[in-house]
Amino acid sequence: MHKKVAVLQSNYIPWKGYFDLIASVDAFVFYDDVQYTRRDWRNRNKVKTAQGEHWLTVPVKNKGRFEQLINEVEVSDPGWAEQHWKTIAMSYRRAPCFAEMEGKVRAIYEQAAKLSLLSQINQHLISALCPLLGISTRLYRSEDLGRADGKNERLIHLCQALGASDYLSGPAASCYLDQAAFAAAGLGLDYMSYDGYPVYPQLHGEFLHGVSVIDLLFNTGSDAAAFLQRRPA
């Protein structure tokens, strides 16, 4: 039986490519029992505003906690969600599909505001946004699936725990994944491509692919899933 799995750390309201990766597999694993990396995509992402690109950052406690895992990171300011929503609403209120998506995305943020761990927030947001993008992939957490030692060994273990036949990796991991180890475990190894996404009507100047997926949702609404379809060059 063919079953493709992807494994990736949770990010804060990630870009459309992250959701395309989820949509491209049968099972997706949030890989949050690994070390937290600062100034990364774990707790921040970009939206477009009338003044240009703007970072939305979830404030977290990391002073003196250099070894903490992603799923141990705590939020330091419980008012972050309300502040982020105000910025989002102000930036996208003139978007074609803001009225269609406002209530749904606002409700997702109201739920996220009640959570105290970054991993919980990220996983909640991603899980809740998937249906708005037409994605029904099963989502799992790595800490629920057991572990093995070693980068490649851990990923192979997670694939085997889910009965996978193939592993779909992000392109950046090609520098450390051991194809022979995956082959020895009976797993196919493929790499995701993020090339060929179509542009869509976007507010605030020059088109940018790399902003949060909420930009896509507010600009295209129920048609958003069509813009996750990559087109050959």
Protein backbone atom coordinates (compact mmCIF):
# COMPACT_ATOMS: atom_id res chain seq x y z
CA MET A 1 0.00 0.00 0.00
CA HIS A 2 1.35 3.41 -1.01
CA LYS A 3 1.42 5.91 1.86
CA LYS A 4 3.42 9.13 1.80
CA VAL A 5 4.44 10.92 5.02
CA ALA A 6 6.01 14.33 5.71
CA VAL A 7 7.60 15.46 8.99
CA LEU A 8 8.20 19.14 9.81
CA GLN A 9 8.48 21.48 12.78
CA SER A 10 5.39 23.58 13.40
CA ASN A 11 5.62 27.18 12.21
CA TYR A 12 3.50 30.22 13.04
CA ILE A 13 0.81 30.87 10.36
CA PRO A 14 3.19 29.47 7.69
CA TRP A 15 3.32 30.32 4.01
CA LYS A 16 1.32 28.46 1.35
CA GLY A 17 4.21 26.07 0.57
CA TYR A 18 3.96 24.56 4.06
CA PHE A 19 0.29 23.78 3.47
CA ASP A 20 1.03 22.44 0.00
CA LEU A 21 3.48 20.00 1.61
CA ILE A 22 0.72 18.87 4.01
CA ALA A 23 -1.70 18.48 1.09
CA SER A 24 0.87 16.39 -0.84
CA VAL A 25 1.00 13.54 1.71
CA ASP A 26 -1.32 11.06 3.40
CA ALA A 27 -0.04 11.79 6.91
CA PHE A 28 1.81 14.81 8.29
CA VAL A 29 3.81 14.85 11.53
CA PHE A 30 4.45 17.96 13.63
CA TYR A 31 8.10 17.47 14.64
CA ASP A 32 8.06 19.56 17.81
CA ASP A 33 10.09 17.43 20.22
CA VAL A 34 13.31 18.82 18.74
CA GLN A 35 15.32 21.89 19.78
CA TYR A 36 13.71 25.30 19.40
CA THR A 37 15.57 27.64 17.05
CA ARG A 38 15.43 31.37 17.70
CA ARG A 39 14.81 34.00 15.01
CA ASP A 40 13.24 31.32 12.84
CA TRP A 41 9.74 30.60 11.49
CA ARG A 42 8.62 28.85 14.69
CA ASN A 43 7.16 31.96 16.31
CA ARG A 44 6.88 34.52 13.51
CA ASN A 45 5.77 35.11 9.95
CA LYS A 46 5.15 37.94 7.51
CA VAL A 47 2.00 39.63 6.28
CA LYS A 48 1.62 42.47 3.78
CA THR A 49 0.53 45.89 4.99
CA ALA A 50 0.13 49.27 3.32
CA GLN A 51 3.60 50.08 4.71
CA GLY A 52 5.17 46.90 3.26
CA GLU A 53 6.04 43.50 4.72
CA HIS A 54 5.41 43.23 8.45
CA TRP A 55 6.58 40.58 10.91
CA LEU A 56 4.01 39.13 13.31
CA THR A 57 5.95 37.58 16.20
CA VAL A 58 4.56 35.49 19.06
CA PRO A 59 6.53 36.62 22.16
CA VAL A 60 8.09 33.64 23.92
CA LYS A 61 10.19 32.91 27.00
CA ASN A 62 13.67 31.95 25.83
CA LYS A 63 16.10 33.78 28.10
CA GLY A 64 18.37 31.16 29.62
CA ARG A 65 16.35 28.38 27.94
CA PHE A 66 18.71 27.63 25.08
CA GLU A 67 18.17 23.87 25.16
CA GLN A 68 14.37 23.88 25.27
CA LEU A 69 12.38 21.87 22.77
CA ILE A 70 9.77 23.49 20.55
CA ASN A 71 6.97 21.84 22.52
CA GLU A 72 8.34 23.33 25.77
CA VAL A 73 8.39 26.98 24.62
CA GLU A 74 5.98 29.20 26.58
CA VAL A 75 4.31 32.39 25.43
CA SER A 76 5.45 35.45 27.41
CA ASP A 77 2.59 37.86 26.62
CA PRO A 78 -0.99 36.49 26.64
CA GLY A 79 -2.20 39.53 24.68
CA TRP A 80 -0.29 38.55 21.54
CA ALA A 81 -3.31 37.10 19.67
CA GLU A 82 -5.46 40.20 20.03
CA GLN A 83 -2.59 42.41 18.85
CA HIS A 84 -1.90 40.18 15.86
CA TRP A 85 -5.56 40.06 14.88
CA LYS A 86 -5.79 43.88 14.95
CA THR A 87 -2.83 44.12 12.58
CA ILE A 88 -4.26 41.43 10.31
CA ALA A 89 -7.70 43.04 10.20
CA MET A 90 -6.26 46.47 9.45
CA SER A 91 -3.99 45.10 6.72
CA TYR A 92 -6.58 42.97 4.94
CA ARG A 93 -9.90 44.72 5.51
CA ARG A 94 -9.91 45.88 1.87
CA ALA A 95 -9.02 42.42 0.52
CA PRO A 96 -11.65 40.92 -1.83
CA CYS A 97 -12.49 38.01 0.48
CA PHE A 98 -11.97 39.59 3.90
CA ALA A 99 -15.71 39.56 4.66
CA GLU A 100 -15.91 35.88 3.67
CA MET A 101 -12.96 34.81 5.83
CA GLU A 102 -12.98 37.30 8.71
CA GLY A 103 -15.28 35.37 11.08
CA LYS A 104 -13.52 32.06 10.48
CA VAL A 105 -9.98 33.34 10.98
CA ARG A 106 -10.97 35.54 13.93
CA ALA A 107 -12.51 32.50 15.68
CA ILE A 108 -9.30 30.52 15.10
CA TYR A 109 -7.31 33.33 16.75
CA GLU A 110 -9.72 33.55 19.68
CA GLN A 111 -9.07 29.85 20.38
CA ALA A 112 -5.31 30.29 19.97
CA ALA A 113 -5.36 33.11 22.54
CA LYS A 114 -6.30 30.59 25.24
CA LEU A 115 -3.17 28.46 24.67
CA SER A 116 0.08 28.98 26.56
CA LEU A 117 2.59 26.88 24.59
CA LEU A 118 3.92 27.93 21.18
CA SER A 119 3.66 24.40 19.80
CA GLN A 120 -0.01 24.19 20.77
CA ILE A 121 -0.69 27.56 19.15
CA ASN A 122 1.07 26.66 15.90
CA GLN A 123 -0.56 23.25 15.65
CA HIS A 124 -3.99 24.70 16.39
CA LEU A 125 -3.64 27.41 13.75
CA ILE A 126 -2.35 25.01 11.10
CA SER A 127 -4.98 22.36 11.88
CA ALA A 128 -7.78 24.93 11.75
CA LEU A 129 -6.56 26.59 8.55
CA CYS A 130 -6.23 23.30 6.64
CA PRO A 131 -10.00 22.87 6.03
CA LEU A 132 -10.18 26.43 4.65
CA LEU A 133 -7.60 25.32 2.07
CA GLY A 134 -9.40 22.09 1.21
CA ILE A 135 -6.80 19.95 3.03
CA SER A 136 -7.92 16.80 4.87
CA THR A 137 -4.53 15.15 5.54
CA ARG A 138 -4.25 13.33 8.89
CA LEU A 139 -2.06 15.27 11.34
CA TYR A 140 0.08 13.68 14.07
CA ARG A 141 2.56 14.79 16.75
CA SER A 142 6.04 13.25 16.83
CA GLU A 143 6.01 12.97 20.64
CA ASP A 144 3.05 10.58 20.37
CA LEU A 145 4.86 8.19 18.02
CA GLY A 146 7.98 7.20 19.97
CA ARG A 147 11.56 8.02 19.02
CA ALA A 148 14.92 6.75 17.83
CA ASP A 149 18.42 8.25 18.06
CA GLY A 150 19.93 10.11 15.11
CA LYS A 151 18.45 12.56 12.58
CA ASN A 152 17.79 10.04 9.84
CA GLU A 153 16.85 7.30 12.29
CA ARG A 154 14.20 9.48 13.94
CA LEU A 155 12.56 10.32 10.64
CA ILE A 156 12.64 6.71 9.51
CA HIS A 157 11.09 5.65 12.81
CA LEU A 158 8.24 8.16 12.43
CA CYS A 159 7.57 6.93 8.90
CA GLN A 160 7.54 3.31 10.05
CA ALA A 161 5.26 4.15 12.99
CA LEU A 162 2.69 5.38 10.47
CA GLY A 163 3.16 2.53 8.01
CA ALA A 164 4.65 4.79 5.34
CA SER A 165 6.01 3.63 2.01
CA ASP A 166 7.50 7.02 1.07
CA TYR A 167 8.91 10.08 2.84
CA LEU A 168 8.43 13.55 1.35
CA SER A 169 11.03 16.00 2.63
CA GLY A 170 11.38 19.74 2.37
CA PRO A 171 14.15 20.71 -0.08
CA ALA A 172 16.50 22.10 2.57
CA ALA A 173 17.00 18.67 4.18
CA SER A 174 18.76 17.24 1.12
CA CYS A 175 22.10 18.24 2.67
CA TYR A 176 21.79 15.78 5.56
CA LEU A 177 19.32 13.03 4.68
CA ASP A 178 20.89 9.64 4.01
CA GLN A 179 19.09 8.17 0.99
CA ALA A 180 20.72 4.78 1.53
CA ALA A 181 19.35 4.58 5.08
CA PHE A 182 15.82 5.27 3.84
CA ALA A 183 16.22 2.71 1.06
CA ALA A 184 17.49 0.12 3.56
CA ALA A 185 14.32 0.73 5.60
CA GLY A 186 12.19 0.15 2.50
CA LEU A 187 11.22 3.82 2.20
CA GLY A 188 11.14 5.94 -0.92
CA LEU A 189 12.60 9.45 -0.49
CA ASP A 190 11.31 12.44 -2.44
CA TYR A 191 11.92 16.17 -2.12
CA MET A 192 9.24 18.83 -2.28
CA SER A 193 9.52 21.56 -4.90
CA TYR A 194 8.11 25.00 -4.20
CA ASP A 195 8.48 26.21 -7.78
CA GLY A 196 5.63 27.13 -10.09
CA TYR A 197 2.97 28.60 -7.79
CA PRO A 198 0.58 30.88 -9.68
CA VAL A 199 0.22 34.48 -8.60
CA TYR A 200 -3.10 35.75 -7.25
CA PRO A 201 -4.61 39.21 -6.73
CA GLN A 202 -2.68 40.65 -3.79
CA LEU A 203 -2.91 43.97 -1.97
CA HIS A 204 -0.12 46.43 -1.22
CA GLY A 205 2.26 46.54 -4.14
CA GLU A 206 4.60 44.00 -5.72
CA PHE A 207 3.48 40.36 -5.50
CA LEU A 208 5.23 38.27 -2.82
CA HIS A 209 4.99 34.47 -2.61
CA GLY A 210 6.64 34.05 0.79
CA VAL A 211 4.08 35.69 3.09
CA SER A 212 1.72 33.88 5.47
CA VAL A 213 -1.05 31.77 3.97
CA ILE A 214 -3.62 34.11 5.50
CA ASP A 215 -2.69 36.56 2.74
CA LEU A 216 -3.89 33.96 0.22
CA LEU A 217 -7.09 33.28 2.17
CA PHE A 218 -8.13 36.92 2.47
CA ASN A 219 -7.36 37.63 -1.18
CA THR A 220 -8.87 34.51 -2.77
CA GLY A 221 -11.27 33.05 -0.17
CA SER A 222 -12.84 29.72 -1.11
CA ASP A 223 -10.66 29.60 -4.26
CA ALA A 224 -7.46 29.46 -2.17
CA ALA A 225 -6.86 25.73 -2.74
CA ALA A 226 -6.42 26.33 -6.48
CA PHE A 227 -3.39 28.54 -5.80
CA LEU A 228 -1.58 25.69 -3.99
CA GLN A 229 -1.43 23.86 -7.32
CA ARG A 230 2.07 24.23 -8.73
CA ARG A 231 2.39 24.65 -12.49
CA PRO A 232 5.32 23.27 -14.53
CA ALA A 233 7.72 25.93 -15.73
